[in-house]
Amino acid sequence: MVTTKEITRGVKDVLLGATMRQVADEYRERLIEDFGFRPEEVSSTTFGTEVTAFMRALARHLGDRHQGDVRVGEALSTWVRFTEHYEAWDALLSGFDVEGKDALIRRGRLLFPSPLTSHWDEE
């Protein structure tokens, strides 16, 4: 379960200029440290599910609470190039005016069902 404290820390990092990838990597490293894993016990998939849940919650929060903030828009715009998390796409395309938005909307509509994307505005 993603905590408010974790989301707050992620938001702070993004507002200070961290990329979503950096936030995800830092979150994963904290989990590895908190659970006391040794380096030989860690693989590329370790805590993958937990990091995914955190990043989805963070993207949703950023979209809900920081609409229009250029720093957040840039972070989400870069993140959606590497992920197919609906929460990130929806946060970006619902609350930010970013370069290449029309192309992003077209791509997002290929990834997600139309009922989930009908509110994205191509204007």
Protein backbone atom coordinates (compact mmCIF):
# COMPACT_ATOMS: atom_id res chain seq x y z
CA MET A 1 0.00 0.00 0.00
CA VAL A 2 1.30 3.41 -0.97
CA THR A 3 1.39 5.87 1.91
CA THR A 4 0.71 9.58 1.92
CA LYS A 5 4.25 10.14 3.16
CA GLU A 6 5.68 8.32 0.13
CA ILE A 7 3.50 10.31 -2.27
CA THR A 8 4.47 13.57 -0.56
CA ARG A 9 8.14 12.70 -0.93
CA GLY A 10 7.68 11.82 -4.61
CA VAL A 11 5.84 15.07 -5.29
CA LYS A 12 8.56 17.06 -3.56
CA ASP A 13 11.23 15.35 -5.66
CA VAL A 14 9.36 16.06 -8.92
CA LEU A 15 8.81 19.69 -7.95
CA LEU A 16 12.54 19.96 -7.26
CA GLY A 17 13.30 18.70 -10.78
CA ALA A 18 13.62 14.93 -10.46
CA THR A 19 12.36 12.82 -13.33
CA MET A 20 9.71 10.20 -12.74
CA ARG A 21 12.36 7.56 -13.53
CA GLN A 22 14.59 8.97 -10.79
CA VAL A 23 11.69 8.94 -8.35
CA ALA A 24 10.86 5.32 -9.26
CA ASP A 25 14.49 4.23 -8.89
CA GLU A 26 14.84 6.00 -5.54
CA TYR A 27 11.62 4.42 -4.25
CA ARG A 28 12.82 0.96 -5.27
CA GLU A 29 16.20 1.51 -3.60
CA ARG A 30 14.49 2.59 -0.37
CA LEU A 31 12.40 -0.58 -0.40
CA ILE A 32 15.47 -2.74 -0.97
CA GLU A 33 17.26 -0.99 1.90
CA ASP A 34 14.24 -1.02 4.23
CA PHE A 35 13.75 -4.75 3.74
CA GLY A 36 17.45 -5.46 4.19
CA PHE A 37 18.09 -7.19 0.86
CA ARG A 38 21.69 -8.04 0.05
CA PRO A 39 22.92 -7.14 -3.45
CA GLU A 40 22.99 -10.79 -4.53
CA GLU A 41 19.31 -11.11 -3.56
CA VAL A 42 18.17 -8.28 -5.83
CA SER A 43 17.11 -8.73 -9.44
CA SER A 44 15.71 -6.29 -12.00
CA THR A 45 12.19 -7.37 -11.02
CA THR A 46 12.62 -6.97 -7.27
CA PHE A 47 9.78 -4.77 -5.96
CA GLY A 48 8.52 -4.21 -9.51
CA THR A 49 4.88 -4.54 -8.47
CA GLU A 50 5.32 -2.14 -5.56
CA VAL A 51 7.13 0.45 -7.69
CA THR A 52 4.40 0.24 -10.34
CA ALA A 53 1.69 0.81 -7.73
CA PHE A 54 3.62 3.77 -6.30
CA MET A 55 4.20 5.38 -9.68
CA ARG A 56 0.56 4.99 -10.68
CA ALA A 57 -0.55 6.61 -7.41
CA LEU A 58 2.05 9.37 -7.76
CA ALA A 59 0.99 10.16 -11.34
CA ARG A 60 -2.66 10.31 -10.31
CA HIS A 61 -1.83 12.62 -7.40
CA LEU A 62 0.30 14.89 -9.59
CA GLY A 63 -2.50 15.14 -12.13
CA ASP A 64 -5.14 15.82 -9.49
CA ARG A 65 -3.22 18.29 -7.33
CA HIS A 66 -0.64 19.93 -9.61
CA GLN A 67 -2.46 20.50 -12.90
CA GLY A 68 -0.72 23.04 -15.08
CA ASP A 69 2.57 23.06 -13.15
CA VAL A 70 5.24 23.08 -15.87
CA ARG A 71 7.65 20.94 -13.81
CA VAL A 72 5.02 18.25 -13.35
CA GLY A 73 3.96 18.43 -16.99
CA GLU A 74 7.53 17.93 -18.14
CA ALA A 75 8.05 15.01 -15.76
CA LEU A 76 4.83 13.30 -16.87
CA SER A 77 5.51 14.02 -20.54
CA THR A 78 8.84 12.24 -20.35
CA TRP A 79 7.41 9.40 -18.22
CA VAL A 80 4.66 8.47 -20.68
CA ARG A 81 7.30 7.79 -23.31
CA PHE A 82 8.47 4.88 -21.15
CA THR A 83 5.28 3.59 -19.57
CA GLU A 84 1.81 2.50 -20.48
CA HIS A 85 0.31 3.36 -17.09
CA TYR A 86 -3.09 4.87 -17.77
CA GLU A 87 -2.77 7.07 -14.68
CA ALA A 88 0.28 8.87 -16.08
CA TRP A 89 -1.25 9.31 -19.54
CA ASP A 90 -4.52 10.56 -18.11
CA ALA A 91 -2.84 12.94 -15.67
CA LEU A 92 -0.76 14.43 -18.48
CA LEU A 93 -3.43 14.69 -21.15
CA SER A 94 -6.19 15.86 -18.81
CA GLY A 95 -4.32 18.59 -16.99
CA PHE A 96 -1.38 19.87 -18.99
CA ASP A 97 -0.72 21.72 -22.22
CA VAL A 98 2.42 20.02 -23.50
CA GLU A 99 4.29 20.08 -26.77
CA GLY A 100 3.11 17.34 -29.10
CA LYS A 101 -0.14 16.86 -27.20
CA ASP A 102 -2.10 15.89 -30.33
CA ALA A 103 0.34 13.08 -31.11
CA LEU A 104 0.28 11.93 -27.48
CA ILE A 105 -3.52 11.85 -27.54
CA ARG A 106 -3.50 9.74 -30.70
CA ARG A 107 -0.99 7.33 -29.15
CA GLY A 108 -2.93 7.19 -25.88
CA ARG A 109 -6.12 6.38 -27.72
CA LEU A 110 -4.39 3.38 -29.29
CA LEU A 111 -3.29 2.17 -25.86
CA PHE A 112 -6.50 2.65 -23.90
CA PRO A 113 -10.22 2.05 -24.56
CA SER A 114 -12.21 5.03 -25.82
CA PRO A 115 -14.35 5.40 -22.67
CA LEU A 116 -11.11 6.15 -20.78
CA THR A 117 -9.84 8.69 -23.30
CA SER A 118 -12.93 10.51 -24.52
CA HIS A 119 -12.33 13.45 -22.17
CA TRP A 120 -8.86 14.15 -23.61
CA ASP A 121 -9.13 17.31 -25.65
CA GLU A 122 -7.28 17.52 -28.95
CA GLU A 123 -7.78 21.26 -29.38
